[in-house]
Amino acid sequence: MNRDTPRLYLRHWSEKYFDRYAEIYSDRELARYIGGQLDRSSAWRRMAAEAGHWVIRGFGTWAVVEKSTGSFVGSIGLWQPEGWPELEMGYWLVPEARGTGYASEAGAASLQFAFEELCAETVVSYIDPANGPSIRVAERLGGQYDKTIELLDLGPHRVYRYSHAPQEA
């Protein structure tokens, strides 16, 4: 189920997004807060898992595409694979798209989908405590700090909880 926002297309995963996706995951610093650096074949499997999440769960993450240029600029959406603690909204943007408000814009659409289409009672974002920009996005979207947990083998993560879709992003 694709979505549109004023400046963005939220699209299902396609091979056409893979080169840029793999490029982001190949860079240790860029991949630091999104599960860590991956080689190209591992990035392929990760993107395939994101695409497959829609088939298995009926929701997932989207490829974020800038309307004005048609460029792939990141990923946002919902994630709860087997063993994941709660329904999570996760997001990341390519460096040149950061600071544009795209994460908040797409995040609002993602939360709206979670609450209105999935009838979720709550959604969380798991954020590394050192990831200040993601914390600010979560707060802008109405996320409230809940607690810090050990997120599987990914170390300590702050839990930001959303209890309703934001009115304005």
Protein backbone atom coordinates (compact mmCIF):
# COMPACT_ATOMS: atom_id res chain seq x y z
CA MET A 1 0.00 0.00 0.00
CA ASN A 2 1.78 3.11 -1.24
CA ARG A 3 1.29 6.53 0.37
CA ASP A 4 1.94 10.10 -0.68
CA THR A 5 2.78 13.16 1.40
CA PRO A 6 3.05 16.72 0.10
CA ARG A 7 6.71 16.28 -0.94
CA LEU A 8 7.27 12.53 -0.90
CA TYR A 9 6.17 9.24 -2.38
CA LEU A 10 6.26 6.29 0.02
CA ARG A 11 6.68 3.24 -2.18
CA HIS A 12 7.11 -0.51 -1.88
CA TRP A 13 10.63 -1.76 -2.29
CA SER A 14 11.94 -2.24 -5.81
CA GLU A 15 15.25 -3.22 -7.30
CA LYS A 16 15.57 0.33 -8.68
CA TYR A 17 16.28 1.58 -5.12
CA PHE A 18 18.88 -1.04 -4.36
CA ASP A 19 22.11 0.62 -5.48
CA ARG A 20 21.60 3.64 -3.23
CA TYR A 21 20.28 1.42 -0.42
CA ALA A 22 23.39 -0.78 -0.62
CA GLU A 23 25.61 2.31 -0.74
CA ILE A 24 24.16 3.58 2.55
CA TYR A 25 24.59 0.20 4.23
CA SER A 26 28.15 -0.16 2.94
CA ASP A 27 29.27 2.94 4.87
CA ARG A 28 30.06 2.18 8.51
CA GLU A 29 29.09 5.65 9.76
CA LEU A 30 25.88 5.96 7.70
CA ALA A 31 24.75 2.48 8.77
CA ARG A 32 25.70 3.00 12.41
CA TYR A 33 22.15 3.57 13.67
CA ILE A 34 20.29 1.32 11.22
CA GLY A 35 21.61 -2.07 12.17
CA GLY A 36 25.22 -1.71 11.08
CA GLN A 37 27.37 -1.98 8.01
CA LEU A 38 26.49 -4.64 5.43
CA ASP A 39 28.16 -5.95 2.31
CA ARG A 40 26.16 -5.75 -0.91
CA SER A 41 24.69 -9.26 -0.73
CA SER A 42 23.65 -8.78 2.92
CA ALA A 43 22.08 -5.43 2.00
CA TRP A 44 20.10 -7.23 -0.71
CA ARG A 45 18.80 -9.74 1.81
CA ARG A 46 17.89 -6.95 4.22
CA MET A 47 15.95 -5.04 1.56
CA ALA A 48 14.25 -8.28 0.52
CA ALA A 49 13.26 -8.85 4.17
CA GLU A 50 11.76 -5.35 4.27
CA ALA A 51 9.78 -6.09 1.09
CA GLY A 52 8.71 -9.49 2.42
CA HIS A 53 7.55 -8.00 5.71
CA TRP A 54 4.61 -6.49 3.77
CA VAL A 55 3.61 -9.92 2.47
CA ILE A 56 3.87 -11.66 5.82
CA ARG A 57 2.59 -8.96 8.19
CA GLY A 58 0.55 -6.68 5.92
CA PHE A 59 2.68 -3.65 6.78
CA GLY A 60 6.31 -2.66 6.59
CA THR A 61 8.76 0.02 5.61
CA TRP A 62 8.59 2.12 2.47
CA ALA A 63 11.22 3.47 0.15
CA VAL A 64 11.03 7.26 0.43
CA VAL A 65 11.16 9.03 -2.94
CA GLU A 66 11.39 12.78 -3.37
CA LYS A 67 8.55 13.97 -5.63
CA SER A 68 10.49 16.89 -7.11
CA THR A 69 13.44 14.79 -8.32
CA GLY A 70 12.26 11.17 -8.26
CA SER A 71 15.32 10.35 -6.13
CA PHE A 72 15.34 7.64 -3.48
CA VAL A 73 16.09 9.48 -0.23
CA GLY A 74 15.55 6.93 2.53
CA SER A 75 13.36 4.46 4.34
CA ILE A 76 10.51 4.83 6.78
CA GLY A 77 7.76 2.68 8.10
CA LEU A 78 6.67 -0.01 10.46
CA TRP A 79 8.66 -3.03 11.52
CA GLN A 80 7.90 -5.98 13.76
CA PRO A 81 9.64 -9.13 12.59
CA GLU A 82 9.58 -12.28 14.66
CA GLY A 83 11.14 -11.64 18.06
CA TRP A 84 10.93 -7.84 17.83
CA PRO A 85 9.60 -6.39 21.11
CA GLU A 86 6.85 -4.09 19.76
CA LEU A 87 5.51 -2.43 16.63
CA GLU A 88 8.24 0.03 15.68
CA MET A 89 8.35 3.01 13.37
CA GLY A 90 11.88 3.31 12.04
CA TYR A 91 13.37 5.84 9.65
CA TRP A 92 16.59 6.89 7.97
CA LEU A 93 17.49 9.34 5.22
CA VAL A 94 20.42 9.70 2.85
CA PRO A 95 22.78 12.47 4.03
CA GLU A 96 21.66 15.03 1.45
CA ALA A 97 18.00 14.68 2.56
CA ARG A 98 18.66 15.25 6.25
CA GLY A 99 17.45 18.50 7.74
CA THR A 100 14.65 18.83 5.15
CA GLY A 101 11.79 17.78 7.40
CA TYR A 102 11.28 14.64 5.29
CA ALA A 103 11.61 12.30 8.28
CA SER A 104 8.86 14.15 10.14
CA GLU A 105 6.65 14.34 7.05
CA ALA A 106 6.98 10.65 6.23
CA GLY A 107 6.88 9.72 9.92
CA ALA A 108 3.51 11.41 10.32
CA ALA A 109 2.16 9.40 7.36
CA SER A 110 3.60 6.20 8.83
CA LEU A 111 2.01 6.81 12.22
CA GLN A 112 -1.30 7.70 10.58
CA PHE A 113 -1.17 4.35 8.74
CA ALA A 114 -0.39 2.52 12.01
CA PHE A 115 -3.23 4.07 13.97
CA GLU A 116 -5.88 4.37 11.28
CA GLU A 117 -5.25 1.35 9.05
CA LEU A 118 -3.73 -1.14 11.52
CA CYS A 119 -5.68 0.13 14.54
CA ALA A 120 -2.48 0.04 16.59
CA GLU A 121 -2.88 1.19 20.17
CA THR A 122 0.75 2.23 20.46
CA VAL A 123 3.86 2.46 18.29
CA VAL A 124 7.47 2.87 19.41
CA SER A 125 10.75 4.04 17.94
CA TYR A 126 13.91 2.40 19.28
CA ILE A 127 16.69 4.97 19.12
CA ASP A 128 20.36 4.73 20.04
CA PRO A 129 20.94 7.29 22.82
CA ALA A 130 23.72 8.92 20.74
CA ASN A 131 21.41 9.54 17.76
CA GLY A 132 20.28 13.08 18.56
CA PRO A 133 18.67 13.83 15.18
CA SER A 134 16.41 10.77 15.40
CA ILE A 135 15.45 11.64 18.97
CA ARG A 136 14.42 15.13 17.80
CA VAL A 137 12.29 13.63 15.00
CA ALA A 138 10.58 11.28 17.47
CA GLU A 139 9.83 14.17 19.82
CA ARG A 140 8.56 16.35 16.94
CA LEU A 141 6.15 13.54 16.04
CA GLY A 142 4.84 13.35 19.60
CA GLY A 143 6.96 10.45 20.80
CA GLN A 144 7.40 10.38 24.56
CA TYR A 145 10.49 8.87 26.15
CA ASP A 146 9.37 5.71 27.93
CA LYS A 147 12.50 3.85 29.04
CA THR A 148 15.86 2.51 27.88
CA ILE A 149 16.10 -1.17 26.95
CA GLU A 150 18.72 -3.58 25.67
CA LEU A 151 17.44 -4.11 22.12
CA LEU A 152 18.36 -7.69 21.30
CA ASP A 153 22.07 -7.67 20.32
CA LEU A 154 22.01 -3.98 19.30
CA GLY A 155 22.75 -2.55 22.75
CA PRO A 156 20.91 0.10 24.73
CA HIS A 157 18.12 1.94 22.91
CA ARG A 158 15.75 4.62 24.11
CA VAL A 159 12.07 3.77 23.62
CA TYR A 160 9.94 6.64 22.32
CA ARG A 161 6.24 5.83 22.46
CA TYR A 162 3.51 7.26 20.23
CA SER A 163 -0.08 6.87 21.37
CA HIS A 164 -1.79 8.58 18.40
CA ALA A 165 -1.05 9.96 14.97
CA PRO A 166 0.44 13.49 15.04
CA GLN A 167 -1.84 16.35 14.03
CA GLU A 168 0.96 18.30 12.34
CA ALA A 169 4.44 17.14 11.45
